[in-house]
Each structure stands twice: as C-alpha cells, then as structure tokens.
Protein backbone atom coordinates (compact mmCIF):
# COMPACT_ATOMS: atom_id res chain seq x y z
CA MET A 1 -31.41 9.18 -0.23
CA GLN A 2 -28.71 11.72 -0.20
CA GLY A 3 -29.37 12.23 3.29
CA GLN A 4 -28.79 8.57 4.30
CA VAL A 5 -25.78 8.34 2.24
CA ALA A 6 -24.30 11.56 4.13
CA PHE A 7 -24.94 9.81 7.24
CA VAL A 8 -23.02 6.86 6.29
CA ALA A 9 -20.16 9.40 5.76
CA GLN A 10 -20.36 10.98 8.63
CA MET A 11 -20.51 7.63 10.40
CA ILE A 12 -17.46 6.31 8.69
CA ASN A 13 -15.58 9.97 9.53
CA ALA A 14 -16.52 9.08 12.78
CA ALA A 15 -15.62 5.63 13.50
CA PHE A 16 -12.35 5.96 11.74
CA GLU A 17 -11.73 9.41 13.31
CA LEU A 18 -10.35 10.83 10.21
CA PRO A 19 -8.27 14.50 9.59
CA ARG A 20 -10.52 16.78 7.71
CA ARG A 21 -8.45 16.26 4.70
CA ALA A 22 -9.20 12.63 4.26
CA ARG A 23 -12.86 12.93 4.90
CA CYS A 24 -15.43 10.55 3.48
CA VAL A 25 -17.09 12.07 0.70
CA MET A 26 -20.72 11.25 -0.20
CA ILE A 27 -20.75 8.98 -3.29
CA VAL A 28 -24.50 9.56 -5.11
CA MET A 29 -25.42 6.78 -7.40
CA ASP A 30 -29.06 5.11 -7.87
CA VAL A 31 -29.38 2.02 -5.84
CA SER A 32 -32.54 1.00 -7.06
CA ASP A 33 -30.22 -2.01 -8.62
CA GLU A 34 -29.43 -3.61 -5.62
CA ARG A 35 -27.01 -5.94 -7.62
CA ARG A 36 -25.40 -3.39 -9.17
CA ALA A 37 -24.58 -1.20 -5.71
CA MET A 38 -23.48 -4.21 -4.04
CA SER A 39 -20.60 -4.93 -6.99
CA PHE A 40 -19.80 -1.07 -6.50
CA LEU A 41 -19.32 -1.51 -3.01
CA LYS A 42 -17.51 -4.69 -3.31
CA ARG A 43 -15.15 -3.14 -5.90
CA LEU A 44 -14.88 -0.42 -3.36
CA PHE A 45 -13.89 -1.96 -0.03
CA GLY A 46 -12.61 -5.53 -1.83
CA GLY A 47 -14.97 -8.02 -0.64
CA GLY A 48 -15.89 -11.28 -1.82
CA GLU A 49 -13.26 -14.37 -2.07
CA PRO A 50 -9.64 -13.50 -2.19
CA ARG A 51 -7.69 -14.15 -5.34
CA ASP A 52 -4.77 -15.78 -4.12
CA SER A 53 -2.98 -17.51 -6.97
CA ASP A 54 0.46 -17.10 -5.46
CA ALA A 55 -0.62 -19.78 -2.53
CA ILE A 56 0.00 -22.98 -1.88
CA TRP A 57 -2.11 -24.62 0.97
CA LEU A 58 -0.67 -27.22 3.05
CA TYR A 59 -2.86 -29.12 5.60
CA VAL A 60 -1.19 -31.07 8.59
CA ARG A 61 -2.38 -32.46 11.93
CA CYS A 62 0.18 -32.26 14.71
CA ASP A 63 1.05 -36.03 15.77
CA TYR A 64 1.26 -35.13 19.64
CA CYS A 65 -2.01 -33.02 20.49
CA GLY A 66 -3.91 -33.78 17.33
CA GLN A 67 -4.66 -29.85 16.35
CA LYS A 68 -4.78 -29.62 12.45
CA MET A 69 -3.61 -26.17 10.68
CA LYS A 70 -3.71 -24.84 7.10
CA ILE A 71 -0.42 -23.48 6.53
CA ARG A 72 0.12 -20.80 3.87
CA VAL A 73 3.37 -21.11 1.46
CA ASP A 74 3.83 -18.20 -1.29
CA ARG A 75 5.43 -19.26 -4.35
CA ARG A 76 7.03 -16.39 -4.95
CA PHE A 77 9.02 -16.30 -1.91
CA ASP A 78 8.84 -19.52 0.23
CA LEU A 79 9.81 -22.20 -2.96
CA ARG A 80 13.96 -22.11 -3.57
CA PRO A 81 15.32 -23.88 -6.76
CA ASP A 82 16.80 -27.03 -6.24
CA TYR A 83 19.72 -27.30 -8.64
CA GLU A 84 20.43 -30.84 -8.01
CA GLN A 85 17.44 -32.48 -8.69
CA GLY A 86 15.84 -29.89 -10.91
CA GLY A 87 12.14 -28.33 -9.68
CA TYR A 88 11.61 -26.44 -6.69
CA ARG A 89 12.16 -27.16 -2.10
CA LEU A 90 10.78 -26.28 0.53
CA ASP A 91 11.75 -26.45 4.18
CA LYS A 92 9.63 -25.21 6.99
CA GLU A 93 9.33 -25.05 10.18
CA ILE A 94 5.41 -25.15 11.76
CA MET A 95 4.93 -24.75 15.13
CA ASP A 96 1.83 -26.09 16.79
CA GLY A 97 -0.25 -23.73 18.83
CA THR A 98 -1.48 -25.79 21.36
CA CYS A 99 1.55 -27.88 22.81
CA PHE A 100 4.09 -25.58 20.85
CA SER A 101 5.58 -28.77 19.29
CA LEU A 102 7.85 -28.16 16.11
CA MET A 103 7.16 -29.65 13.11
CA MET A 104 9.53 -29.80 10.07
CA ALA A 105 7.97 -29.97 6.51
CA ARG A 106 10.29 -31.01 3.57
CA LEU A 107 8.39 -30.74 0.22
CA ARG A 108 10.06 -31.02 -3.25
CA PHE A 109 8.26 -29.98 -6.30
CA ASP A 110 8.62 -29.98 -10.16
CA ALA A 111 9.11 -27.22 -12.19
CA GLY A 112 5.29 -26.10 -12.52
CA GLN A 113 5.30 -25.92 -8.92
CA ARG A 114 3.48 -29.42 -8.46
CA ILE A 115 4.11 -31.16 -5.37
CA VAL A 116 6.47 -34.19 -5.93
CA GLU A 117 7.67 -35.20 -2.24
CA GLN A 118 6.50 -34.31 1.29
CA GLU A 119 7.92 -35.21 4.58
CA LEU A 120 6.88 -33.97 7.72
CA GLU A 121 8.36 -34.72 11.22
CA GLY A 122 6.28 -34.40 14.14
CA GLY A 123 3.00 -34.50 12.26
CA THR A 124 1.05 -35.92 9.74
CA PHE A 125 0.05 -34.25 6.02
CA LEU A 126 -4.05 -34.06 5.42
CA THR A 127 -5.83 -33.62 2.46
CA ARG A 128 -8.16 -30.28 2.23
CA PRO A 129 -11.13 -32.51 2.79
CA GLU A 130 -9.79 -34.05 5.77
CA TYR A 131 -8.80 -31.00 6.95
CA GLU A 132 -12.13 -29.65 6.93
CA ARG A 133 -14.37 -32.68 7.72
CA ASP A 134 -13.53 -33.31 11.28
CA GLU A 135 -13.17 -29.69 12.03
CA PRO A 136 -16.99 -29.00 13.75
CA GLN A 137 -16.24 -32.01 15.60
CA GLU A 138 -13.45 -31.10 17.07
CA ALA A 139 -14.97 -27.91 18.63
CA GLU A 140 -17.54 -29.55 20.25
CA ASN A 141 -15.10 -32.32 22.04
CA ALA A 142 -13.20 -29.01 22.81
CA LYS A 143 -16.16 -27.90 25.19
C-alpha cells in the first residue's frame, strides 16, 4: 500500500515538474473504507459540485443564429443599486460565439435580488429546462 502511495506522489511530482521544496508528500491512510478515502480526496482536491451562491444564471438564445448560452451574473459585482426605483439593475452585453452578434440584456431586481423585469435586445430569454432540453438535438443537427 505504501509503495502505491509513494508511486502516486512521484507521478504527481513528475507531471507538474514541481521544485524540490514544493514536492508532494506521501499521504498514508487506511483505504479499506473506500467512501472515506474518496471523501478525503474530494476535500483535498476540491471535487464535487461547486457551490456558487453568488451566481445568478441567465439562459439566452441569439435571435440571428439560434445559439443558446448560459451566462453567469455575480450578485456581488454585477448588480448595481437602483436608487430611483429601489432594488438593483443589471445592464449586460452578451456576444454570441457563432455569429458574433451583440445582445443587450437589461434586468431589474427587487431588494432580495430576484428578477422583476427583464429585456433582451437581439435575443430571447430561456428557462433552464428550455436551455437543457434542446442542447443534445442541436449538437446532432450541427453534424
């Protein structure tokens, strides 16, 4: 067992060409409980689904070419206070990666950062199920 762990540490050191002072050390643990070992490795290397509580996801489709996009909005940095109507505002330019058309999204949020109004020039807003549902079909049609 220790020989296998040492081999893995050597492989990591070789793959990343780490200098001597930053080399991996051997981690010796009882791996008889596979779930515990995997849990440890996930914590060590940050595996699993990322928790992104600061993100608001927008799903849009370009009116010109039909490409669908998933756009991340950061609650902390992208939203700005709307002093006239209360809540928050977002003005975001979105460029399509296929026909390179520019779309302009304007959204208004309430004080709880929930979408109250949304407008998209040059595109259409989608729901998450609409975005995910048609994805495989478009990939097949592109072939």
